[in-house]
Amino acid sequence: MKGKRYIQQLSFLRTAHAHGRLHHAYILHGATRDAMRDFVYEFAAYLQCQEKKDDIACGACFACRSFVLNKIPFMAHVVTDKEGTIKIDAIREAKHSLILSCDPSVYKLLMIINADLMTDEAREVLLKTLEEPPQRTIIFLTAEVRSLMSQTVISRCQSIYVSASDTILSSDILDTRVRELTTLVS
């Protein structure tokens, strides 16, 4: 059944959250960059939602309204530069934004897209954060091919496989959810 793994993986993260067992870092791999980004956004909306209903983001609180506007609170993004790499300054800036977050009751999220394209120096800075993450911080690394990533980074993260073929339905679900949230915000 298409989309089942994507739904199962979101359910896995929601259950981990409900039982206070979220890991501080996850590697998403297997799907396209956009599908993995959407996966993180869906979970981020759920995680930051202030009034969850039946394990689903409410669609009405500040966090949910921000999600619709593509401005997820307390979430930093790192993407490749013009040269197609992620350099040390990008990781340092993202790390700094995690420390600056002022509300201790919410999760601080960092998403590094194409993490397999980090320079060695950027990877070393990230490793320090993975080894000693700030409280209530979750780091999502994406890589279409996990084996291209450093084994040291992999060993400090939990892996979540998001199948490229399974994301078709999940993207439809996400699009439907965005339309629902947009209607509630309007």
Protein backbone atom coordinates (compact mmCIF):
# COMPACT_ATOMS: atom_id res chain seq x y z
CA MET A 1 0.00 0.00 0.00
CA LYS A 2 1.52 3.32 -1.07
CA GLY A 3 2.10 5.84 1.68
CA LYS A 4 1.88 3.31 4.50
CA ARG A 5 5.53 3.63 5.56
CA TYR A 6 5.32 7.42 5.63
CA ILE A 7 2.24 7.27 7.83
CA GLN A 8 3.86 4.61 10.02
CA GLN A 9 7.00 6.71 10.44
CA LEU A 10 4.99 9.78 11.47
CA SER A 11 3.09 7.58 13.89
CA PHE A 12 6.40 6.25 15.24
CA LEU A 13 7.59 9.80 15.99
CA ARG A 14 4.25 10.81 17.52
CA THR A 15 4.31 7.75 19.78
CA ALA A 16 7.90 8.48 20.81
CA HIS A 17 6.83 12.02 21.68
CA ALA A 18 3.80 10.85 23.65
CA HIS A 19 6.04 8.57 25.74
CA GLY A 20 8.83 11.13 26.19
CA ARG A 21 11.24 9.10 24.06
CA LEU A 22 12.08 11.36 21.16
CA HIS A 23 15.66 11.05 20.07
CA HIS A 24 17.65 14.25 19.65
CA ALA A 25 18.64 13.51 16.03
CA TYR A 26 17.15 11.66 13.07
CA ILE A 27 18.47 10.89 9.60
CA LEU A 28 15.76 10.73 6.96
CA HIS A 29 16.83 8.91 3.84
CA GLY A 30 15.50 7.22 0.74
CA ALA A 31 13.04 9.75 -0.63
CA THR A 32 13.45 12.99 -2.53
CA ARG A 33 14.60 16.10 -0.73
CA ASP A 34 11.14 17.68 -1.03
CA ALA A 35 9.37 14.60 0.33
CA MET A 36 11.68 14.44 3.34
CA ARG A 37 11.21 18.18 3.95
CA ASP A 38 7.44 17.71 3.87
CA PHE A 39 7.77 14.80 6.30
CA VAL A 40 9.69 17.02 8.74
CA TYR A 41 7.20 19.88 8.33
CA GLU A 42 4.28 17.57 9.04
CA PHE A 43 5.92 16.30 12.21
CA ALA A 44 7.05 19.80 13.21
CA ALA A 45 3.48 21.09 12.94
CA TYR A 46 2.31 18.24 15.16
CA LEU A 47 5.16 18.71 17.62
CA GLN A 48 4.73 22.46 18.00
CA CYS A 49 0.92 22.39 18.02
CA GLN A 50 -0.39 23.76 21.29
CA GLU A 51 -3.77 22.03 21.12
CA LYS A 52 -3.34 18.58 19.52
CA LYS A 53 -6.53 16.62 18.93
CA ASP A 54 -6.40 12.85 18.40
CA ASP A 55 -2.69 12.95 17.55
CA ILE A 56 -3.27 15.58 14.87
CA ALA A 57 -2.27 19.24 14.82
CA CYS A 58 -5.30 21.39 15.65
CA GLY A 59 -4.87 23.81 12.74
CA ALA A 60 -5.91 26.85 14.79
CA CYS A 61 -3.12 27.64 17.27
CA PHE A 62 -0.22 30.00 16.56
CA ALA A 63 2.12 27.14 15.60
CA CYS A 64 -0.36 25.63 13.15
CA ARG A 65 -1.12 28.98 11.55
CA SER A 66 2.62 29.57 11.21
CA PHE A 67 2.97 26.17 9.54
CA VAL A 68 0.48 27.20 6.86
CA LEU A 69 2.55 30.32 6.21
CA ASN A 70 5.70 28.16 5.98
CA LYS A 71 7.12 29.88 9.07
CA ILE A 72 7.42 27.11 11.62
CA PRO A 73 8.37 28.65 14.95
CA PHE A 74 11.70 27.67 16.46
CA MET A 75 12.91 25.86 13.34
CA ALA A 76 16.19 26.53 11.58
CA HIS A 77 17.03 25.27 8.10
CA VAL A 78 20.38 24.56 6.50
CA VAL A 79 20.65 24.00 2.77
CA THR A 80 23.51 23.73 0.31
CA ASP A 81 25.18 26.89 -0.94
CA LYS A 82 25.72 27.90 -4.57
CA GLU A 83 28.63 25.45 -4.75
CA GLY A 84 26.42 22.57 -3.67
CA THR A 85 27.95 22.09 -0.21
CA ILE A 86 27.11 22.90 3.38
CA LYS A 87 29.90 24.86 4.98
CA ILE A 88 30.91 25.38 8.59
CA ASP A 89 29.38 28.87 8.86
CA ALA A 90 25.92 27.55 7.95
CA ILE A 91 26.12 24.92 10.70
CA ARG A 92 27.46 27.43 13.23
CA GLU A 93 24.64 29.87 12.44
CA ALA A 94 22.01 27.13 12.80
CA LYS A 95 23.59 25.95 16.06
CA HIS A 96 23.49 29.52 17.37
CA SER A 97 19.80 29.86 16.48
CA LEU A 98 19.04 26.74 18.54
CA ILE A 99 20.69 28.29 21.58
CA LEU A 100 18.84 31.62 21.15
CA SER A 101 15.35 30.16 21.34
CA CYS A 102 13.61 31.89 24.22
CA ASP A 103 10.65 29.64 25.04
CA PRO A 104 11.76 26.59 27.06
CA SER A 105 8.39 24.87 26.62
CA VAL A 106 8.70 24.32 22.87
CA TYR A 107 11.01 22.14 20.84
CA LYS A 108 13.76 23.76 18.83
CA LEU A 109 14.13 22.09 15.47
CA LEU A 110 16.96 22.03 12.99
CA MET A 111 16.62 20.56 9.52
CA ILE A 112 19.76 20.04 7.45
CA ILE A 113 18.78 19.22 3.89
CA ASN A 114 21.32 17.14 1.93
CA ALA A 115 23.41 16.59 5.03
CA ASP A 116 25.63 14.26 3.04
CA LEU A 117 27.00 17.37 1.29
CA MET A 118 28.55 18.91 4.45
CA THR A 119 32.21 19.79 4.37
CA ASP A 120 34.46 18.00 6.87
CA GLU A 121 34.65 21.17 8.99
CA ALA A 122 30.86 21.57 9.04
CA ARG A 123 30.48 17.92 10.01
CA GLU A 124 32.84 18.38 12.97
CA VAL A 125 30.77 21.31 14.30
CA LEU A 126 27.59 19.29 13.84
CA LEU A 127 29.10 16.33 15.69
CA LYS A 128 29.66 18.50 18.76
CA THR A 129 25.99 19.47 18.68
CA LEU A 130 24.92 15.85 18.18
CA GLU A 131 27.02 14.80 21.16
CA GLU A 132 25.72 17.58 23.43
CA PRO A 133 22.43 18.87 22.01
CA PRO A 134 20.64 21.77 23.68
CA GLN A 135 17.59 20.70 25.70
CA ARG A 136 14.36 20.09 23.77
CA THR A 137 16.20 20.15 20.45
CA ILE A 138 15.58 17.78 17.57
CA ILE A 139 17.85 17.69 14.55
CA PHE A 140 16.66 16.24 11.25
CA LEU A 141 19.28 15.39 8.66
CA THR A 142 18.17 14.43 5.17
CA ALA A 143 20.12 12.43 2.62
CA GLU A 144 18.74 10.59 -0.35
CA VAL A 145 21.49 7.99 0.13
CA ARG A 146 22.39 7.46 3.79
CA SER A 147 25.59 5.57 2.99
CA LEU A 148 27.12 8.78 1.64
CA MET A 149 27.06 10.24 5.15
CA SER A 150 29.81 10.00 7.72
CA GLN A 151 29.55 6.84 9.84
CA THR A 152 30.21 8.95 12.93
CA VAL A 153 27.18 11.14 12.21
CA ILE A 154 25.04 8.09 11.40
CA SER A 155 26.00 6.48 14.72
CA ARG A 156 24.63 9.46 16.66
CA CYS A 157 21.25 9.56 14.94
CA GLN A 158 18.24 7.33 14.54
CA SER A 159 17.48 6.47 10.94
CA ILE A 160 14.07 6.79 9.36
CA TYR A 161 13.66 5.36 5.90
CA VAL A 162 11.12 7.25 3.80
CA SER A 163 10.56 5.34 0.59
CA ALA A 164 10.42 7.46 -2.55
CA SER A 165 7.43 5.47 -3.82
CA ASP A 166 5.63 5.75 -0.46
CA THR A 167 5.73 9.53 -0.46
CA ILE A 168 3.15 9.90 -3.22
CA LEU A 169 0.23 9.34 -0.86
CA SER A 170 1.87 11.18 1.99
CA SER A 171 2.34 14.27 -0.19
CA ASP A 172 -1.36 14.08 -1.03
CA ILE A 173 -2.14 13.82 2.68
CA LEU A 174 0.11 16.80 3.42
CA ASP A 175 -1.48 18.86 0.63
CA THR A 176 -4.92 18.03 2.02
CA ARG A 177 -3.78 18.95 5.55
CA VAL A 178 -2.35 22.28 4.33
CA ARG A 179 -5.67 23.05 2.59
CA GLU A 180 -7.54 22.20 5.81
CA LEU A 181 -5.23 24.39 7.90
CA THR A 182 -5.48 27.23 5.36
CA THR A 183 -9.28 27.08 5.60
CA LEU A 184 -9.13 27.25 9.40
CA VAL A 185 -6.74 30.22 9.32
CA SER A 186 -8.79 32.18 6.78
